[in-house]
Amino acid sequence: MAMETLACPICSMTDILAGEGGAVECATCGHEWDPDGGGLGEIRDANGVVLANGDDVILIKNLPLKGTESLKIGTKVRGIRLISGDHEIDCKINGRGVLLKAQFVKKV
């Protein structure tokens, strides 16, 4: 049974399937979540400023990535997307999808 009124918070597709115990699953990317989870709540940056989808932020700390790469302090990230989980920010940096913790960014 497809649920057309919901969109996946990860990939934004509307191919949603009903799962077990009231949870739903995205048929496109496989992400599972509880649609009645109460939302994300307020996500704040390192300075306590509330973040929203589409905000631009700057890294306040060097962050290592898998491999030998790292993200440098002062890197500007445009058009963030807020998600639930341990890493609250989904974004792209130099064409690479990255998840960040809000405590390591400040709003521009």
N, C-alpha and C. Protein backbone atom coordinates (compact mmCIF):
# COMPACT_ATOMS: atom_id res chain seq x y z
N MET A 1 0.85 -1.18 0.00
CA MET A 1 0.00 0.00 0.00
C MET A 1 0.89 1.24 0.00
N ALA A 2 0.76 2.09 -0.98
CA ALA A 2 1.55 3.31 -1.07
C ALA A 2 0.84 4.45 -0.36
N MET A 3 1.61 5.27 0.34
CA MET A 3 1.05 6.42 1.04
C MET A 3 1.53 7.66 0.31
N GLU A 4 0.68 8.25 -0.51
CA GLU A 4 1.06 9.34 -1.40
C GLU A 4 1.16 10.70 -0.71
N THR A 5 0.65 10.85 0.52
CA THR A 5 0.64 12.15 1.16
C THR A 5 1.96 12.48 1.85
N LEU A 6 2.82 11.50 2.04
CA LEU A 6 4.10 11.71 2.72
C LEU A 6 5.24 11.78 1.72
N ALA A 7 6.30 12.45 2.10
CA ALA A 7 7.53 12.47 1.31
C ALA A 7 8.68 12.05 2.22
N CYS A 8 9.63 11.34 1.65
CA CYS A 8 10.77 10.86 2.41
C CYS A 8 11.63 12.05 2.87
N PRO A 9 12.02 12.11 4.15
CA PRO A 9 12.86 13.22 4.61
C PRO A 9 14.29 13.14 4.09
N ILE A 10 14.71 12.02 3.53
CA ILE A 10 16.06 11.87 3.01
C ILE A 10 16.13 12.22 1.53
N CYS A 11 15.28 11.56 0.71
CA CYS A 11 15.38 11.75 -0.74
C CYS A 11 14.23 12.56 -1.33
N SER A 12 13.22 12.92 -0.56
CA SER A 12 12.08 13.74 -0.97
C SER A 12 11.12 13.05 -1.94
N MET A 13 11.28 11.77 -2.16
CA MET A 13 10.38 11.04 -3.05
C MET A 13 9.09 10.69 -2.31
N THR A 14 8.02 10.46 -3.06
CA THR A 14 6.73 10.17 -2.44
C THR A 14 6.33 8.70 -2.58
N ASP A 15 7.27 7.83 -2.92
CA ASP A 15 7.00 6.40 -3.02
C ASP A 15 7.13 5.78 -1.63
N ILE A 16 6.11 5.97 -0.80
CA ILE A 16 6.16 5.57 0.60
C ILE A 16 5.31 4.32 0.83
N LEU A 17 5.86 3.36 1.56
CA LEU A 17 5.18 2.12 1.88
C LEU A 17 4.94 2.03 3.37
N ALA A 18 3.79 1.46 3.76
CA ALA A 18 3.49 1.27 5.17
C ALA A 18 4.35 0.14 5.72
N GLY A 19 4.95 0.35 6.89
CA GLY A 19 5.80 -0.66 7.51
C GLY A 19 5.14 -1.24 8.74
N GLU A 20 5.92 -1.88 9.56
CA GLU A 20 5.42 -2.51 10.78
C GLU A 20 5.30 -1.50 11.91
N GLY A 21 4.29 -1.63 12.74
CA GLY A 21 4.14 -0.81 13.93
C GLY A 21 3.92 0.66 13.66
N GLY A 22 3.34 1.02 12.53
CA GLY A 22 3.06 2.42 12.22
C GLY A 22 4.19 3.14 11.52
N ALA A 23 5.35 2.51 11.40
CA ALA A 23 6.47 3.13 10.69
C ALA A 23 6.21 3.08 9.19
N VAL A 24 6.89 3.92 8.44
CA VAL A 24 6.79 3.93 6.99
C VAL A 24 8.19 3.79 6.40
N GLU A 25 8.25 3.37 5.13
CA GLU A 25 9.52 3.16 4.46
C GLU A 25 9.47 3.76 3.07
N CYS A 26 10.56 4.38 2.66
CA CYS A 26 10.68 4.93 1.32
C CYS A 26 11.06 3.81 0.37
N ALA A 27 10.26 3.61 -0.68
CA ALA A 27 10.55 2.56 -1.66
C ALA A 27 11.76 2.91 -2.52
N THR A 28 12.12 4.18 -2.60
CA THR A 28 13.23 4.62 -3.43
C THR A 28 14.58 4.42 -2.74
N CYS A 29 14.73 4.95 -1.51
CA CYS A 29 16.04 4.89 -0.84
C CYS A 29 16.08 3.91 0.34
N GLY A 30 14.92 3.42 0.79
CA GLY A 30 14.90 2.44 1.88
C GLY A 30 14.89 3.04 3.27
N HIS A 31 14.85 4.36 3.38
CA HIS A 31 14.84 5.01 4.70
C HIS A 31 13.53 4.70 5.43
N GLU A 32 13.62 4.33 6.70
CA GLU A 32 12.45 4.06 7.52
C GLU A 32 12.34 5.12 8.61
N TRP A 33 11.12 5.56 8.89
CA TRP A 33 10.91 6.54 9.95
C TRP A 33 9.48 6.46 10.44
N ASP A 34 9.24 7.09 11.59
CA ASP A 34 7.91 7.15 12.18
C ASP A 34 7.30 8.49 11.79
N PRO A 35 6.23 8.50 10.98
CA PRO A 35 5.66 9.78 10.55
C PRO A 35 5.05 10.58 11.70
N ASP A 36 4.73 9.93 12.81
CA ASP A 36 4.18 10.61 13.98
C ASP A 36 5.26 10.87 15.02
N GLY A 37 6.50 10.96 14.59
CA GLY A 37 7.63 11.10 15.50
C GLY A 37 7.73 12.44 16.19
N GLY A 38 6.85 13.37 15.89
CA GLY A 38 6.85 14.65 16.57
C GLY A 38 7.76 15.68 15.92
N GLY A 39 8.29 15.41 14.75
CA GLY A 39 9.13 16.38 14.07
C GLY A 39 10.54 16.41 14.63
N LEU A 40 11.30 17.35 14.19
CA LEU A 40 12.69 17.46 14.57
C LEU A 40 12.90 18.28 15.83
N GLY A 41 11.98 19.16 16.13
CA GLY A 41 12.18 20.08 17.22
C GLY A 41 13.13 21.18 16.78
N GLU A 42 13.64 21.94 17.69
CA GLU A 42 14.57 23.01 17.35
C GLU A 42 15.99 22.47 17.29
N ILE A 43 16.65 22.74 16.19
CA ILE A 43 18.05 22.38 16.04
C ILE A 43 18.83 23.68 16.04
N ARG A 44 19.80 23.76 16.95
CA ARG A 44 20.55 25.00 17.14
C ARG A 44 22.01 24.81 16.77
N ASP A 45 22.63 25.89 16.26
CA ASP A 45 24.05 25.84 15.90
C ASP A 45 24.91 26.03 17.16
N ALA A 46 26.20 26.18 16.98
CA ALA A 46 27.14 26.31 18.10
C ALA A 46 26.88 27.56 18.94
N ASN A 47 26.27 28.59 18.34
CA ASN A 47 25.99 29.83 19.06
C ASN A 47 24.57 29.88 19.63
N GLY A 48 23.80 28.80 19.45
CA GLY A 48 22.45 28.76 19.97
C GLY A 48 21.40 29.32 19.04
N VAL A 49 21.75 29.63 17.81
CA VAL A 49 20.81 30.17 16.83
C VAL A 49 20.04 29.00 16.20
N VAL A 50 18.72 29.15 16.09
CA VAL A 50 17.89 28.08 15.52
C VAL A 50 18.15 27.98 14.02
N LEU A 51 18.38 26.75 13.55
CA LEU A 51 18.63 26.50 12.13
C LEU A 51 17.33 26.06 11.45
N ALA A 52 17.26 26.33 10.13
CA ALA A 52 16.11 25.92 9.33
C ALA A 52 16.60 25.36 8.01
N ASN A 53 15.77 24.60 7.34
CA ASN A 53 16.12 24.08 6.03
C ASN A 53 16.45 25.22 5.08
N GLY A 54 17.50 25.07 4.30
CA GLY A 54 17.91 26.09 3.34
C GLY A 54 18.89 27.12 3.87
N ASP A 55 19.18 27.09 5.17
CA ASP A 55 20.15 28.05 5.74
C ASP A 55 21.55 27.78 5.22
N ASP A 56 22.39 28.82 5.27
CA ASP A 56 23.80 28.69 4.96
C ASP A 56 24.56 28.71 6.29
N VAL A 57 25.56 27.84 6.41
CA VAL A 57 26.34 27.74 7.63
C VAL A 57 27.83 27.70 7.31
N ILE A 58 28.66 27.93 8.33
CA ILE A 58 30.12 27.87 8.22
C ILE A 58 30.62 26.90 9.27
N LEU A 59 31.58 26.06 8.89
CA LEU A 59 32.19 25.13 9.84
C LEU A 59 33.06 25.89 10.83
N ILE A 60 32.97 25.54 12.10
CA ILE A 60 33.77 26.20 13.12
C ILE A 60 34.90 25.31 13.62
N LYS A 61 35.07 24.15 12.98
CA LYS A 61 36.09 23.20 13.41
C LYS A 61 36.51 22.37 12.20
N ASN A 62 37.78 21.97 12.13
CA ASN A 62 38.21 21.03 11.10
C ASN A 62 37.57 19.68 11.39
N LEU A 63 36.97 19.07 10.37
CA LEU A 63 36.29 17.80 10.56
C LEU A 63 36.86 16.76 9.62
N PRO A 64 37.36 15.64 10.15
CA PRO A 64 37.91 14.60 9.28
C PRO A 64 36.78 13.82 8.60
N LEU A 65 37.02 13.42 7.35
CA LEU A 65 36.12 12.55 6.63
C LEU A 65 36.78 11.19 6.50
N LYS A 66 36.04 10.20 6.08
CA LYS A 66 36.65 8.89 5.86
C LYS A 66 37.71 9.01 4.79
N GLY A 67 38.80 8.31 4.97
CA GLY A 67 39.91 8.43 4.05
C GLY A 67 40.87 9.49 4.53
N THR A 68 41.50 10.19 3.62
CA THR A 68 42.50 11.18 4.00
C THR A 68 41.98 12.61 3.93
N GLU A 69 40.75 12.79 3.47
CA GLU A 69 40.19 14.13 3.34
C GLU A 69 39.75 14.68 4.69
N SER A 70 39.62 16.00 4.75
CA SER A 70 39.02 16.64 5.91
C SER A 70 38.36 17.93 5.45
N LEU A 71 37.38 18.37 6.20
CA LEU A 71 36.71 19.63 5.93
C LEU A 71 37.38 20.69 6.79
N LYS A 72 37.76 21.78 6.17
CA LYS A 72 38.52 22.82 6.86
C LYS A 72 37.60 23.82 7.56
N ILE A 73 38.10 24.36 8.65
CA ILE A 73 37.40 25.40 9.39
C ILE A 73 37.14 26.57 8.43
N GLY A 74 35.96 27.17 8.51
CA GLY A 74 35.62 28.30 7.66
C GLY A 74 34.95 27.91 6.35
N THR A 75 34.80 26.61 6.08
CA THR A 75 34.14 26.17 4.85
C THR A 75 32.66 26.55 4.92
N LYS A 76 32.19 27.24 3.87
CA LYS A 76 30.79 27.65 3.83
C LYS A 76 29.96 26.55 3.17
N VAL A 77 28.84 26.23 3.80
CA VAL A 77 27.93 25.21 3.30
C VAL A 77 26.60 25.91 3.00
N ARG A 78 26.13 25.77 1.77
CA ARG A 78 24.90 26.44 1.35
C ARG A 78 23.73 25.47 1.30
N GLY A 79 22.57 25.95 1.68
CA GLY A 79 21.33 25.19 1.54
C GLY A 79 21.29 23.88 2.29
N ILE A 80 21.47 23.94 3.61
CA ILE A 80 21.44 22.72 4.42
C ILE A 80 20.03 22.15 4.49
N ARG A 81 19.95 20.87 4.84
CA ARG A 81 18.66 20.23 5.08
C ARG A 81 18.74 19.55 6.44
N LEU A 82 17.75 19.80 7.28
CA LEU A 82 17.74 19.25 8.64
C LEU A 82 17.07 17.88 8.61
N ILE A 83 17.67 16.93 9.32
CA ILE A 83 17.15 15.58 9.40
C ILE A 83 17.19 15.11 10.85
N SER A 84 16.49 14.05 11.14
CA SER A 84 16.54 13.49 12.50
C SER A 84 17.72 12.54 12.59
N GLY A 85 18.23 12.35 13.77
CA GLY A 85 19.34 11.45 13.98
C GLY A 85 20.48 12.13 14.71
N ASP A 86 21.58 11.41 14.82
CA ASP A 86 22.76 11.89 15.54
C ASP A 86 23.40 13.09 14.82
N HIS A 87 23.47 13.03 13.50
CA HIS A 87 23.99 14.14 12.69
C HIS A 87 22.78 14.85 12.09
N GLU A 88 22.51 16.07 12.54
CA GLU A 88 21.26 16.75 12.22
C GLU A 88 21.24 17.46 10.88
N ILE A 89 22.40 17.64 10.24
CA ILE A 89 22.48 18.42 9.00
C ILE A 89 22.92 17.53 7.85
N ASP A 90 22.14 17.57 6.77
CA ASP A 90 22.48 16.88 5.53
C ASP A 90 22.82 17.96 4.52
N CYS A 91 23.98 17.84 3.86
CA CYS A 91 24.40 18.88 2.92
C CYS A 91 25.34 18.28 1.88
N LYS A 92 25.72 19.12 0.93
CA LYS A 92 26.73 18.73 -0.06
C LYS A 92 27.89 19.71 0.03
N ILE A 93 29.09 19.15 0.10
CA ILE A 93 30.30 19.96 0.12
C ILE A 93 31.20 19.42 -0.99
N ASN A 94 31.53 20.29 -1.95
CA ASN A 94 32.33 19.90 -3.12
C ASN A 94 31.71 18.70 -3.84
N GLY A 95 30.38 18.68 -3.96
CA GLY A 95 29.69 17.63 -4.68
C GLY A 95 29.55 16.33 -3.93
N ARG A 96 29.99 16.28 -2.70
CA ARG A 96 29.93 15.05 -1.89
C ARG A 96 28.89 15.22 -0.79
N GLY A 97 28.00 14.25 -0.65
CA GLY A 97 27.00 14.29 0.41
C GLY A 97 27.65 14.08 1.76
N VAL A 98 27.35 14.96 2.71
CA VAL A 98 27.97 14.93 4.03
C VAL A 98 26.90 15.15 5.09
N LEU A 99 27.01 14.43 6.20
CA LEU A 99 26.16 14.65 7.37
C LEU A 99 27.00 15.34 8.44
N LEU A 100 26.47 16.40 9.03
CA LEU A 100 27.19 17.18 10.03
C LEU A 100 26.38 17.28 11.32
N LYS A 101 27.09 17.47 12.42
CA LYS A 101 26.44 17.78 13.69
C LYS A 101 26.30 19.29 13.79
N ALA A 102 25.17 19.74 14.30
CA ALA A 102 24.89 21.17 14.40
C ALA A 102 25.86 21.89 15.33
N GLN A 103 26.47 21.19 16.27
CA GLN A 103 27.38 21.83 17.22
C GLN A 103 28.68 22.29 16.57
N PHE A 104 28.95 21.85 15.33
CA PHE A 104 30.19 22.22 14.65
C PHE A 104 29.98 23.26 13.55
N VAL A 105 28.82 23.92 13.52
CA VAL A 105 28.55 24.94 12.52
C VAL A 105 27.99 26.20 13.18
N LYS A 106 28.09 27.31 12.45
CA LYS A 106 27.39 28.53 12.88
C LYS A 106 26.66 29.10 11.67
N LYS A 107 25.49 29.66 11.92
CA LYS A 107 24.67 30.21 10.86
C LYS A 107 25.30 31.49 10.31
N VAL A 108 25.22 31.64 9.00
CA VAL A 108 25.78 32.83 8.34
C VAL A 108 24.79 33.95 8.42
